[in-house]
């Protein structure tokens, strides 16, 4: 596969200059101005093409310009923005039924929202109300406790930040009280942290931002059993892992567990709209009454049309199978690279992390080198390169990726 080496002109430099002059620098993007996308490829203002290994943090699971999703998106321009709290809508009603039908939640109920962080916020609220109303915690006498996982990432609003263990966020505090944090994959630490006031455990089935860390087989099942025995809700954040990213529709399906609630987002919007949802069992959902919660744009007809297209793409095009097959191919290819820089290659499906040795340059250094070879690969947690291309990646495109990763990891940079 021949792709011309990227070249940049004053057009790109001016865009970078203007952005850095006027924006809040809460990100550190590559100096590339992306204007379009096609399949697994990003196309910048210069016409350069880059194989996308980020997929907008798994929001673009199905690639750029997918015909079924784009056709659905085109329909949304003619749809009214209807506040869900004031009116019903046929498309939205079907999303409730279809989403409830595919999520492994007993007796599910759905709340549509806009972002993954919003979904996590609702999980915190739902769990604490359940603690007061169902578990018998006395309001004003004790704090309903929530247990999260060290090195998680659930978003950047105050609820998710309260769950985080990232030291960089400390100066945004103080955060919500009653949060405990335990190591991922340590069932004994989780058991020790549970008290009579614990209402929920919130975890990612695979730690995404921490570098695609996969738990040992049986861990999620042990968490489910412990939560059931302790009368504690198990909430799973599938915002990044959901909709086939890990090679199954949801990552919890690998162990066949049924959580009490799931947080969904990113790929649910097909890469074209901001769509998220909380799916929770009825015993918890029924504690929310009209006026207790809401989202102005959550559950709009436009969101529903695109989400239903996502459901069709997932089932009709065997997206889980594609992610599992290509994930295995890329994972094996990466593990075969003989490089002194690589400590470990791990992952599930097409959520893969290349962890680098501490004596090696930071991951961003290798990302910069890959960009010059037409591969857009972001670093996460400074020492891990994230490999998460759209699920539609072909074997030829995967070979293009592997060839360039091998090149940068085996040179004396």
Protein backbone atom coordinates (compact mmCIF):
# COMPACT_ATOMS: atom_id res chain seq x y z
CA UNK A 1 0.00 0.00 0.00
CA UNK A 2 1.55 3.24 -1.15
CA UNK A 3 0.69 6.43 0.77
CA UNK A 4 2.71 9.60 0.10
CA UNK A 5 4.79 10.90 2.98
CA UNK A 6 2.88 13.80 4.60
CA UNK A 7 3.92 17.34 3.78
CA UNK A 8 2.81 20.51 5.54
CA UNK A 9 2.59 24.12 4.45
CA UNK A 10 1.85 27.56 5.90
CA UNK A 11 -1.89 26.69 5.86
CA UNK A 12 -1.43 24.16 8.66
CA UNK A 13 0.97 26.32 10.64
CA UNK A 14 -1.48 29.25 10.56
CA UNK A 15 -4.33 27.06 11.86
CA UNK A 16 -2.11 25.80 14.67
CA UNK A 17 -0.99 29.34 15.51
CA UNK A 18 -4.54 30.74 15.58
CA UNK A 19 -5.83 27.83 17.69
CA UNK A 20 -3.02 28.10 20.23
CA UNK A 21 -3.47 31.88 20.40
CA UNK A 22 -7.16 31.81 21.31
CA UNK A 23 -8.08 28.41 22.76
CA UNK A 24 -7.82 26.99 26.26
CA UNK A 25 -5.03 24.44 25.84
CA UNK A 26 -6.71 21.51 27.55
CA UNK A 27 -5.36 19.11 24.91
CA UNK A 28 -2.01 18.56 23.23
CA UNK A 29 -2.98 17.67 19.64
CA UNK A 30 -0.68 16.78 16.81
CA UNK A 31 0.06 19.74 14.48
CA UNK A 32 -2.31 18.42 11.82
CA UNK A 33 -5.57 20.08 10.74
CA UNK A 34 -7.97 17.23 9.95
CA UNK A 35 -10.73 18.23 7.55
CA UNK A 36 -12.21 14.90 6.39
CA UNK A 37 -12.17 11.15 6.85
CA UNK A 38 -12.67 8.06 4.73
CA UNK A 39 -12.93 4.57 6.18
CA UNK A 40 -10.00 4.23 8.60
CA UNK A 41 -8.18 7.26 7.15
CA UNK A 42 -8.01 10.84 8.35
CA UNK A 43 -7.45 13.49 5.67
CA UNK A 44 -5.93 16.85 6.59
CA UNK A 45 -6.16 20.27 4.97
CA UNK A 46 -3.05 19.51 2.92
CA UNK A 47 -4.53 16.29 1.50
CA UNK A 48 -2.28 14.09 3.67
CA UNK A 49 -3.77 10.75 4.75
CA UNK A 50 -3.21 9.17 8.16
CA UNK A 51 -4.34 5.74 9.32
CA UNK A 52 -6.41 6.56 12.41
CA UNK A 53 -5.48 4.50 15.47
CA UNK A 54 -7.54 6.57 17.91
CA UNK A 55 -11.07 6.42 16.43
CA UNK A 56 -11.91 9.54 18.48
CA UNK A 57 -11.49 7.50 21.68
CA UNK A 58 -13.77 4.77 20.21
CA UNK A 59 -16.50 7.18 19.07
CA UNK A 60 -15.71 6.32 15.43
CA UNK A 61 -15.85 2.53 15.75
CA UNK A 62 -17.44 2.11 12.33
CA UNK A 63 -15.12 4.38 10.36
CA UNK A 64 -15.56 7.69 8.59
CA UNK A 65 -18.36 8.05 6.07
CA UNK A 66 -20.08 4.73 6.77
CA UNK A 67 -22.97 4.76 4.25
CA UNK A 68 -25.70 3.53 6.62
CA UNK A 69 -24.73 5.93 9.37
CA UNK A 70 -24.31 8.86 6.99
CA UNK A 71 -27.72 8.16 5.45
CA UNK A 72 -29.26 8.23 8.92
CA UNK A 73 -27.37 11.39 9.78
CA UNK A 74 -28.65 13.09 6.63
CA UNK A 75 -32.21 12.44 7.82
CA UNK A 76 -31.60 14.28 11.07
CA UNK A 77 -31.45 17.70 9.37
CA UNK A 78 -35.22 17.48 8.80
CA UNK A 79 -36.07 16.40 12.34
CA UNK A 80 -37.23 18.79 15.06
CA UNK A 81 -35.38 19.11 18.34
CA UNK A 82 -38.03 17.90 20.76
CA UNK A 83 -37.46 18.09 24.51
CA UNK A 84 -38.02 14.56 25.74
CA UNK A 85 -39.58 15.84 28.94
CA UNK A 86 -42.43 17.46 27.00
CA UNK A 87 -43.24 15.05 24.14
CA UNK A 88 -43.06 11.44 23.01
CA UNK A 89 -41.41 10.42 19.73
CA UNK A 90 -41.62 7.20 17.71
CA UNK A 91 -37.91 6.93 16.86
CA UNK A 92 -36.93 7.45 20.48
CA UNK A 93 -39.39 4.81 21.65
CA UNK A 94 -37.72 2.25 19.37
CA UNK A 95 -34.28 3.13 20.76
CA UNK A 96 -35.49 2.36 24.28
CA UNK A 97 -36.74 -1.05 23.19
CA UNK A 98 -33.75 -1.93 21.01
CA UNK A 99 -31.13 -0.77 23.51
CA UNK A 100 -32.87 -2.57 26.36
CA UNK A 101 -32.94 -5.70 24.20
CA UNK A 102 -29.19 -5.86 23.61
CA UNK A 103 -27.89 -4.82 27.04
CA UNK A 104 -27.26 -7.63 29.55
CA UNK A 105 -29.22 -5.85 32.31
CA UNK A 106 -32.05 -7.65 34.14
CA UNK A 107 -35.40 -5.91 33.54
CA UNK A 108 -33.72 -2.83 31.99
CA UNK A 109 -34.72 0.81 31.78
CA UNK A 110 -32.99 3.43 29.61
CA UNK A 111 -32.15 7.10 30.17
CA UNK A 112 -30.73 8.82 27.04
CA UNK A 113 -28.11 11.54 27.48
CA UNK A 114 -25.35 13.25 25.50
CA UNK A 115 -21.95 12.28 26.92
CA UNK A 116 -20.25 9.45 28.75
CA UNK A 117 -19.50 11.69 31.71
CA UNK A 118 -23.22 12.50 32.02
CA UNK A 119 -23.97 8.80 32.10
CA UNK A 120 -21.48 8.23 34.92
CA UNK A 121 -22.95 11.17 36.84
CA UNK A 122 -26.36 9.48 36.65
CA UNK A 123 -24.87 6.25 37.90
CA UNK A 124 -23.54 8.04 40.97
CA UNK A 125 -26.91 9.69 41.60
CA UNK A 126 -28.92 6.52 41.02
CA UNK A 127 -26.70 4.50 43.34
CA UNK A 128 -26.92 6.96 46.18
CA UNK A 129 -30.69 7.31 45.94
CA UNK A 130 -30.95 3.50 45.92
CA UNK A 131 -28.80 3.48 49.07
CA UNK A 132 -31.23 5.78 50.87
CA UNK A 133 -34.47 4.32 49.54
CA UNK A 134 -33.64 0.61 49.32
CA UNK A 135 -30.59 -0.19 51.43
CA UNK A 136 -31.78 1.82 54.40
CA UNK A 137 -28.96 4.33 54.79
CA UNK A 138 -30.24 7.24 56.87
CA UNK A 139 -30.13 10.60 55.10
CA UNK A 140 -27.83 12.96 57.01
CA UNK A 141 -26.52 10.16 59.23
CA UNK A 142 -24.12 8.41 56.85
CA UNK A 143 -22.69 8.89 53.37
CA UNK A 144 -23.60 6.22 50.80
CA UNK A 145 -20.18 4.93 49.74
CA UNK A 146 -19.05 4.25 46.18
CA UNK A 147 -16.04 2.15 45.25
CA UNK A 148 -14.06 2.96 42.09
CA UNK A 149 -10.92 1.53 40.56
CA UNK A 150 -7.41 3.02 40.64
CA UNK A 151 -6.32 4.36 37.21
CA UNK A 152 -9.89 4.56 35.94
CA UNK A 153 -11.16 7.16 33.52
CA UNK A 154 -14.87 8.01 33.66
CA UNK A 155 -14.84 11.60 32.41
CA UNK A 156 -13.99 15.09 33.63
CA UNK A 157 -17.12 16.43 35.33
CA UNK A 158 -17.14 16.44 39.11
CA UNK A 159 -18.64 13.00 39.68
CA UNK A 160 -16.16 11.21 37.41
CA UNK A 161 -13.27 13.28 38.79
CA UNK A 162 -14.30 12.23 42.29
CA UNK A 163 -13.94 8.60 41.19
CA UNK A 164 -10.50 9.24 39.67
CA UNK A 165 -7.12 8.50 41.24
CA UNK A 166 -5.22 10.82 38.87
CA UNK A 167 -3.03 13.20 40.88
CA UNK A 168 -3.23 15.84 38.13
CA UNK A 169 -6.86 16.55 39.05
CA UNK A 170 -6.31 17.23 42.76
CA UNK A 171 -6.36 21.01 42.44
CA UNK A 172 -9.91 20.86 41.04
CA UNK A 173 -11.08 19.58 44.42
CA UNK A 174 -12.54 19.12 46.92
CA UNK A 175 -14.50 16.27 45.38
CA UNK A 176 -17.48 14.19 46.41
CA UNK A 177 -17.13 12.48 49.78
CA UNK A 178 -17.65 8.79 50.33
CA UNK A 179 -15.49 7.51 47.46
CA UNK A 180 -13.09 4.62 47.99
CA UNK A 181 -10.55 3.45 45.40
CA UNK A 182 -9.15 -0.07 45.05
CA UNK A 183 -6.70 -1.64 42.57
CA UNK A 184 -8.03 -3.16 39.35
CA UNK A 185 -8.11 -6.94 39.34
CA UNK A 186 -7.78 -7.25 43.13
CA UNK A 187 -10.91 -8.91 44.41
CA UNK A 188 -9.60 -9.10 47.99
CA UNK A 189 -9.04 -5.34 48.12
CA UNK A 190 -12.56 -4.80 46.82
CA UNK A 191 -14.01 -7.15 49.43
CA UNK A 192 -12.13 -5.34 52.22
CA UNK A 193 -13.42 -1.95 51.04
CA UNK A 194 -17.13 -2.88 51.21
CA UNK A 195 -19.01 -1.76 54.31
CA UNK A 196 -22.71 -1.71 55.26
CA UNK A 197 -22.82 1.81 53.71
CA UNK A 198 -21.44 0.78 50.31
CA UNK A 199 -24.01 1.30 47.57
CA UNK A 200 -22.13 0.68 44.33
CA UNK A 201 -18.97 -0.44 42.61
CA UNK A 202 -18.19 1.47 39.40
CA UNK A 203 -15.59 0.01 37.04
CA UNK A 204 -14.44 -0.31 33.46
CA UNK A 205 -14.30 -3.93 32.26
CA UNK A 206 -11.03 -3.01 30.49
CA UNK A 207 -9.08 0.03 31.64
CA UNK A 208 -8.90 2.12 28.47
CA UNK A 209 -7.06 5.35 29.31
CA UNK A 210 -4.75 3.44 31.65
CA UNK A 211 -3.44 1.60 28.61
CA UNK A 212 -5.81 -1.23 27.62
CA UNK A 213 -5.40 -3.21 30.85
CA UNK A 214 -7.40 -6.45 30.73
CA UNK A 215 -8.33 -8.18 34.00
CA UNK A 216 -7.64 -11.83 34.69
CA UNK A 217 -10.32 -14.25 33.53
CA UNK A 218 -13.08 -14.49 36.11
CA UNK A 219 -12.47 -11.13 37.79
CA UNK A 220 -15.68 -9.51 36.56
CA UNK A 221 -17.64 -12.58 37.58
CA UNK A 222 -16.09 -12.41 41.05
CA UNK A 223 -17.06 -8.73 41.30
CA UNK A 224 -20.62 -9.59 40.30
CA UNK A 225 -20.84 -12.36 42.91
CA UNK A 226 -19.35 -10.15 45.62
CA UNK A 227 -21.74 -7.29 44.85
CA UNK A 228 -24.73 -9.63 44.93
CA UNK A 229 -23.65 -11.17 48.25
CA UNK A 230 -23.01 -7.71 49.77
CA UNK A 231 -26.20 -6.05 48.47
CA UNK A 232 -24.15 -3.59 46.39
CA UNK A 233 -24.90 -2.39 42.86
CA UNK A 234 -22.43 -3.22 40.09
CA UNK A 235 -22.19 -0.43 37.52
CA UNK A 236 -20.02 -0.97 34.44
CA UNK A 237 -18.61 1.85 32.30
CA UNK A 238 -18.72 0.63 28.68
CA UNK A 239 -18.42 4.09 27.14
CA UNK A 240 -15.15 3.13 25.40
CA UNK A 241 -15.48 -0.65 25.33
CA UNK A 242 -19.11 -0.87 24.19
CA UNK A 243 -20.42 -1.59 20.70
CA UNK A 244 -17.83 -4.18 19.69
CA UNK A 245 -14.55 -2.40 20.49
CA UNK A 246 -13.24 -5.39 22.47
CA UNK A 247 -14.54 -8.06 20.10
CA UNK A 248 -17.95 -8.57 21.68
CA UNK A 249 -20.95 -6.28 21.73
CA UNK A 250 -20.03 -5.37 25.31
CA UNK A 251 -16.88 -6.30 27.21
CA UNK A 252 -18.87 -7.82 30.09
CA UNK A 253 -20.19 -10.43 27.67
CA UNK A 254 -16.83 -12.22 27.80
CA UNK A 255 -17.74 -13.45 31.27
CA UNK A 256 -21.49 -13.58 30.75
CA UNK A 257 -22.27 -11.31 33.69
CA UNK A 258 -25.32 -9.13 34.15
CA UNK A 259 -24.49 -5.84 35.88
CA UNK A 260 -27.07 -3.65 37.57
CA UNK A 261 -26.29 -0.76 35.28
CA UNK A 262 -24.20 0.22 32.26
CA UNK A 263 -22.91 3.55 31.03
CA UNK A 264 -22.82 3.86 27.24
CA UNK A 265 -21.70 6.55 24.81
CA UNK A 266 -19.14 7.37 22.11
CA UNK A 267 -19.84 4.73 19.41
CA UNK A 268 -23.58 4.90 20.19
CA UNK A 269 -23.58 8.16 18.21
CA UNK A 270 -21.94 6.55 15.18
CA UNK A 271 -19.14 9.10 15.18
CA UNK A 272 -21.50 11.83 13.95
CA UNK A 273 -23.59 12.81 17.01
CA UNK A 274 -23.05 13.02 20.76
CA UNK A 275 -25.24 10.25 22.16
CA UNK A 276 -25.01 8.40 25.47
CA UNK A 277 -27.24 6.46 27.81
CA UNK A 278 -27.57 4.82 31.17
CA UNK A 279 -29.19 1.40 31.14
CA UNK A 280 -30.16 0.29 34.62
CA UNK A 281 -32.43 -2.32 36.13
CA UNK A 282 -35.96 -1.28 36.97
CA UNK A 283 -35.57 -1.56 40.74
CA UNK A 284 -33.08 1.33 40.57
CA UNK A 285 -34.72 3.26 37.73
CA UNK A 286 -38.12 3.30 39.42
CA UNK A 287 -36.69 5.46 42.21
CA UNK A 288 -36.41 8.36 39.73
CA UNK A 289 -39.62 10.33 39.37
CA UNK A 290 -40.56 13.15 36.95
CA UNK A 291 -38.55 16.24 37.76
CA UNK A 292 -35.75 14.38 39.56
CA UNK A 293 -33.44 14.35 36.56
CA UNK A 294 -33.30 15.28 32.91
CA UNK A 295 -31.26 16.24 29.84
CA UNK A 296 -32.48 18.90 27.41
CA UNK A 297 -31.01 17.32 24.29
CA UNK A 298 -30.72 13.72 25.50
CA UNK A 299 -32.99 11.37 23.59
CA UNK A 300 -33.71 13.69 20.67
CA UNK A 301 -35.23 12.22 17.47
CA UNK A 302 -31.93 12.91 15.68
CA UNK A 303 -29.99 10.92 18.28
CA UNK A 304 -32.47 8.10 17.97
CA UNK A 305 -32.23 7.86 14.18
CA UNK A 306 -28.44 7.61 14.31
CA UNK A 307 -28.42 5.19 17.25
CA UNK A 308 -30.80 2.86 15.40
CA UNK A 309 -28.45 2.93 12.40
CA UNK A 310 -25.63 1.94 14.76
CA UNK A 311 -27.65 -1.05 15.98
CA UNK A 312 -28.16 -2.18 12.37
CA UNK A 313 -24.50 -1.78 11.44
CA UNK A 314 -23.39 -3.73 14.51
CA UNK A 315 -25.64 -6.70 13.78
CA UNK A 316 -25.73 -6.76 9.96
CA UNK A 317 -22.00 -6.26 9.43
CA UNK A 318 -20.72 -8.56 12.20
CA UNK A 319 -18.72 -5.78 13.81
CA UNK A 320 -17.89 -7.83 16.91
CA UNK A 321 -16.42 -10.60 14.76
CA UNK A 322 -14.38 -8.09 12.76
CA UNK A 323 -12.97 -6.50 15.91
CA UNK A 324 -12.12 -9.87 17.42
CA UNK A 325 -10.47 -11.22 14.26
CA UNK A 326 -8.51 -8.08 13.34
CA UNK A 327 -7.65 -7.45 16.98
CA UNK A 328 -6.04 -10.87 17.22
CA UNK A 329 -4.17 -10.28 13.96
CA UNK A 330 -2.80 -6.88 15.03
CA UNK A 331 -2.05 -8.03 18.59
CA UNK A 332 -0.03 -11.00 17.33
CA UNK A 333 1.75 -8.77 14.82
CA UNK A 334 2.72 -6.25 17.48
CA UNK A 335 3.90 -8.97 19.85
CA UNK A 336 6.20 -10.33 17.15
CA UNK A 337 8.11 -7.03 16.94
CA UNK A 338 11.52 -7.41 18.57
CA UNK A 339 12.16 -4.04 20.18
CA UNK A 340 14.09 -3.07 23.28
CA UNK A 341 11.55 -0.29 23.85
CA UNK A 342 8.55 -2.60 24.38
CA UNK A 343 7.70 -3.83 27.85
CA UNK A 344 4.33 -5.41 27.02
CA UNK A 345 1.67 -5.53 24.32
CA UNK A 346 -1.81 -6.23 25.66
CA UNK A 347 -5.43 -5.72 24.82
CA UNK A 348 -8.74 -7.20 23.84
CA UNK A 349 -10.28 -6.91 20.40
CA UNK A 350 -9.20 -3.62 18.85
CA UNK A 351 -8.39 -1.91 22.14
CA UNK A 352 -4.64 -2.51 22.36
CA UNK A 353 -1.84 -0.87 24.32
CA UNK A 354 1.89 -0.94 23.67
CA UNK A 355 3.57 -0.27 27.01
CA UNK A 356 7.11 1.08 26.74
CA UNK A 357 10.04 0.56 29.08
CA UNK A 358 10.85 3.38 31.48
CA UNK A 359 14.30 3.73 29.94
CA UNK A 360 12.73 4.46 26.53
CA UNK A 361 11.51 7.84 25.29
CA UNK A 362 7.88 8.69 26.19
CA UNK A 363 5.10 7.31 24.02
CA UNK A 364 4.43 10.72 22.48
CA UNK A 365 7.92 10.62 20.96
CA UNK A 366 7.02 7.50 19.00
CA UNK A 367 3.64 8.95 18.10
CA UNK A 368 5.43 11.92 16.51
CA UNK A 369 7.58 9.54 14.45
CA UNK A 370 4.55 7.51 13.36
CA UNK A 371 2.75 10.64 12.20
CA UNK A 372 5.54 11.23 9.68
CA UNK A 373 4.81 7.72 8.38
CA UNK A 374 1.07 8.39 7.94
CA UNK A 375 -0.09 6.72 11.18
CA UNK A 376 -2.02 8.74 13.78
CA UNK A 377 -1.47 6.99 17.11
CA UNK A 378 -1.93 8.76 20.44
CA UNK A 379 -0.17 8.14 23.72
CA UNK A 380 -1.98 7.43 26.95
CA UNK A 381 -0.51 7.59 30.46
CA UNK A 382 2.79 8.75 28.89
CA UNK A 383 4.27 5.27 28.54
CA UNK A 384 1.60 3.55 26.44
CA UNK A 385 0.73 3.85 22.75
CA UNK A 386 -2.97 3.23 22.14
CA UNK A 387 -3.84 1.11 19.09
CA UNK A 388 -7.58 1.44 18.49
CA UNK A 389 -8.39 1.83 14.78
CA UNK A 390 -11.95 1.72 13.44
CA UNK A 391 -13.37 -1.79 13.51
CA UNK A 392 -13.61 -1.87 9.72
CA UNK A 393 -9.82 -1.96 9.27
CA UNK A 394 -8.71 -4.40 6.56
CA UNK A 395 -5.78 -6.84 6.65
CA UNK A 396 -3.91 -4.69 4.12
CA UNK A 397 -4.40 -1.60 6.29
CA UNK A 398 -3.37 -3.58 9.38
CA UNK A 399 -0.16 -4.62 7.60
CA UNK A 400 0.48 -0.96 6.74
CA UNK A 401 0.11 -0.14 10.43
CA UNK A 402 2.30 -3.01 11.66
CA UNK A 403 5.08 -2.22 9.20
CA UNK A 404 5.32 1.37 10.41
CA UNK A 405 5.06 0.56 14.10
CA UNK A 406 7.88 -1.96 13.69
CA UNK A 407 9.95 0.67 11.88
CA UNK A 408 9.74 3.27 14.67
CA UNK A 409 10.13 0.76 17.51
CA UNK A 410 13.24 -0.88 16.09
CA UNK A 411 15.14 2.28 15.14
CA UNK A 412 17.55 3.91 17.58
CA UNK A 413 15.39 6.95 18.37
